[in-house]
Amino acid sequence: MLFQVPDMTCQHCVKSITAAVQAVDSSAQVRCDVSTHEVAVVATTAQSVIKQAIIDAGYTVT
């Protein structure tokens, strides 16, 4: 799954997003690229659940 998170701007954001995703799927693999604002997730949880977790953490997903 690939998400665009335009307001992810620093390593604190990366940690927050990673924690939010892993809270709904503890085995999820999360890779964040601050320069492109992309969050790549490998998980068995539905994409809609992962997206909502990022939104609930306070970030915009486009």
N, C-alpha and C. Protein backbone atom coordinates (compact mmCIF):
# COMPACT_ATOMS: atom_id res chain seq x y z
N MET A 1 0.84 -1.17 0.00
CA MET A 1 0.00 0.00 0.00
C MET A 1 0.89 1.24 0.00
N LEU A 2 0.47 2.22 -0.74
CA LEU A 2 1.24 3.46 -0.81
C LEU A 2 0.30 4.63 -0.53
N PHE A 3 0.71 5.46 0.40
CA PHE A 3 -0.09 6.62 0.79
C PHE A 3 0.73 7.88 0.60
N GLN A 4 0.07 8.95 0.18
CA GLN A 4 0.68 10.28 0.13
C GLN A 4 0.25 11.02 1.40
N VAL A 5 1.25 11.47 2.17
CA VAL A 5 0.98 12.18 3.42
C VAL A 5 1.71 13.53 3.34
N PRO A 6 1.06 14.54 2.75
CA PRO A 6 1.74 15.80 2.48
C PRO A 6 2.24 16.54 3.71
N ASP A 7 1.62 16.31 4.87
CA ASP A 7 2.07 17.02 6.06
C ASP A 7 3.06 16.22 6.91
N MET A 8 3.64 15.16 6.35
CA MET A 8 4.74 14.44 7.01
C MET A 8 6.03 15.16 6.64
N THR A 9 6.64 15.83 7.64
CA THR A 9 7.77 16.71 7.32
C THR A 9 9.06 16.41 8.08
N CYS A 10 9.00 15.51 9.06
CA CYS A 10 10.20 15.28 9.88
C CYS A 10 10.21 13.87 10.45
N GLN A 11 11.28 13.54 11.16
CA GLN A 11 11.40 12.21 11.75
C GLN A 11 10.38 11.97 12.86
N HIS A 12 9.94 13.02 13.51
CA HIS A 12 8.89 12.86 14.52
C HIS A 12 7.61 12.37 13.84
N CYS A 13 7.31 12.94 12.69
CA CYS A 13 6.15 12.50 11.91
C CYS A 13 6.28 11.03 11.54
N VAL A 14 7.46 10.65 11.09
CA VAL A 14 7.71 9.26 10.71
C VAL A 14 7.43 8.33 11.89
N LYS A 15 7.93 8.68 13.06
CA LYS A 15 7.72 7.85 14.24
C LYS A 15 6.24 7.78 14.61
N SER A 16 5.54 8.90 14.52
CA SER A 16 4.12 8.94 14.85
C SER A 16 3.30 8.08 13.89
N ILE A 17 3.58 8.21 12.62
CA ILE A 17 2.85 7.44 11.61
C ILE A 17 3.16 5.95 11.75
N THR A 18 4.42 5.62 11.94
CA THR A 18 4.79 4.21 12.12
C THR A 18 4.09 3.62 13.33
N ALA A 19 4.07 4.34 14.43
CA ALA A 19 3.41 3.86 15.65
C ALA A 19 1.91 3.69 15.43
N ALA A 20 1.29 4.63 14.70
CA ALA A 20 -0.15 4.55 14.45
C ALA A 20 -0.50 3.33 13.61
N VAL A 21 0.30 3.08 12.58
CA VAL A 21 0.05 1.92 11.72
C VAL A 21 0.27 0.63 12.50
N GLN A 22 1.35 0.57 13.26
CA GLN A 22 1.64 -0.65 14.00
C GLN A 22 0.69 -0.87 15.18
N ALA A 23 -0.04 0.17 15.57
CA ALA A 23 -1.06 0.00 16.61
C ALA A 23 -2.25 -0.80 16.09
N VAL A 24 -2.53 -0.68 14.79
CA VAL A 24 -3.64 -1.45 14.21
C VAL A 24 -3.17 -2.75 13.57
N ASP A 25 -1.87 -2.86 13.28
CA ASP A 25 -1.29 -4.10 12.73
C ASP A 25 0.15 -4.19 13.21
N SER A 26 0.35 -4.93 14.29
CA SER A 26 1.68 -4.97 14.93
C SER A 26 2.76 -5.56 14.03
N SER A 27 2.38 -6.33 13.03
CA SER A 27 3.38 -6.92 12.14
C SER A 27 3.61 -6.11 10.87
N ALA A 28 2.97 -4.96 10.76
CA ALA A 28 3.09 -4.12 9.56
C ALA A 28 4.53 -3.62 9.40
N GLN A 29 4.96 -3.59 8.14
CA GLN A 29 6.24 -3.00 7.80
C GLN A 29 5.95 -1.63 7.20
N VAL A 30 6.56 -0.60 7.78
CA VAL A 30 6.27 0.78 7.37
C VAL A 30 7.56 1.43 6.90
N ARG A 31 7.50 2.03 5.72
CA ARG A 31 8.65 2.77 5.20
C ARG A 31 8.16 4.16 4.82
N CYS A 32 8.74 5.17 5.44
CA CYS A 32 8.34 6.56 5.20
C CYS A 32 9.47 7.30 4.49
N ASP A 33 9.11 8.09 3.51
CA ASP A 33 10.07 8.94 2.80
C ASP A 33 9.60 10.38 2.95
N VAL A 34 10.28 11.11 3.82
CA VAL A 34 9.89 12.50 4.11
C VAL A 34 10.02 13.38 2.87
N SER A 35 11.02 13.14 2.04
CA SER A 35 11.25 14.01 0.87
C SER A 35 10.14 13.89 -0.17
N THR A 36 9.53 12.71 -0.30
CA THR A 36 8.45 12.53 -1.28
C THR A 36 7.08 12.47 -0.61
N HIS A 37 7.07 12.49 0.73
CA HIS A 37 5.83 12.42 1.51
C HIS A 37 5.07 11.12 1.27
N GLU A 38 5.81 10.05 1.00
CA GLU A 38 5.19 8.75 0.75
C GLU A 38 5.36 7.83 1.95
N VAL A 39 4.30 7.10 2.23
CA VAL A 39 4.33 6.08 3.27
C VAL A 39 3.96 4.76 2.60
N ALA A 40 4.89 3.83 2.61
CA ALA A 40 4.65 2.50 2.05
C ALA A 40 4.43 1.54 3.20
N VAL A 41 3.37 0.76 3.11
CA VAL A 41 3.02 -0.16 4.18
C VAL A 41 2.81 -1.55 3.60
N VAL A 42 3.43 -2.55 4.24
CA VAL A 42 3.16 -3.94 3.93
C VAL A 42 2.45 -4.50 5.15
N ALA A 43 1.18 -4.87 4.95
CA ALA A 43 0.37 -5.32 6.08
C ALA A 43 -0.75 -6.22 5.58
N THR A 44 -1.31 -6.98 6.50
CA THR A 44 -2.46 -7.82 6.17
C THR A 44 -3.77 -7.11 6.48
N THR A 45 -3.68 -6.01 7.21
CA THR A 45 -4.86 -5.22 7.56
C THR A 45 -5.34 -4.45 6.32
N ALA A 46 -6.64 -4.23 6.23
CA ALA A 46 -7.23 -3.52 5.08
C ALA A 46 -6.64 -2.12 4.92
N GLN A 47 -6.51 -1.70 3.67
CA GLN A 47 -5.95 -0.38 3.37
C GLN A 47 -6.76 0.73 4.04
N SER A 48 -8.07 0.59 4.08
CA SER A 48 -8.91 1.62 4.69
C SER A 48 -8.62 1.77 6.18
N VAL A 49 -8.30 0.68 6.85
CA VAL A 49 -7.97 0.72 8.29
C VAL A 49 -6.63 1.41 8.51
N ILE A 50 -5.66 1.09 7.67
CA ILE A 50 -4.33 1.72 7.76
C ILE A 50 -4.46 3.22 7.50
N LYS A 51 -5.21 3.58 6.46
CA LYS A 51 -5.41 4.99 6.13
C LYS A 51 -6.05 5.73 7.30
N GLN A 52 -7.06 5.15 7.89
CA GLN A 52 -7.75 5.79 9.01
C GLN A 52 -6.82 5.95 10.22
N ALA A 53 -5.93 4.99 10.44
CA ALA A 53 -4.97 5.09 11.55
C ALA A 53 -4.05 6.29 11.36
N ILE A 54 -3.62 6.52 10.11
CA ILE A 54 -2.76 7.67 9.82
C ILE A 54 -3.54 8.98 10.03
N ILE A 55 -4.77 9.00 9.56
CA ILE A 55 -5.62 10.19 9.75
C ILE A 55 -5.86 10.45 11.23
N ASP A 56 -6.16 9.39 11.98
CA ASP A 56 -6.40 9.53 13.42
C ASP A 56 -5.17 10.03 14.18
N ALA A 57 -3.98 9.79 13.60
CA ALA A 57 -2.74 10.28 14.21
C ALA A 57 -2.53 11.77 13.92
N GLY A 58 -3.42 12.36 13.12
CA GLY A 58 -3.36 13.79 12.88
C GLY A 58 -2.79 14.20 11.53
N TYR A 59 -2.70 13.25 10.61
CA TYR A 59 -2.09 13.53 9.30
C TYR A 59 -3.13 13.47 8.19
N THR A 60 -2.84 14.18 7.11
CA THR A 60 -3.69 14.18 5.93
C THR A 60 -3.21 13.10 4.99
N VAL A 61 -4.12 12.31 4.47
CA VAL A 61 -3.77 11.29 3.47
C VAL A 61 -4.49 11.64 2.17
N THR A 62 -3.69 11.82 1.10
CA THR A 62 -4.30 12.18 -0.18
C THR A 62 -4.17 11.04 -1.16
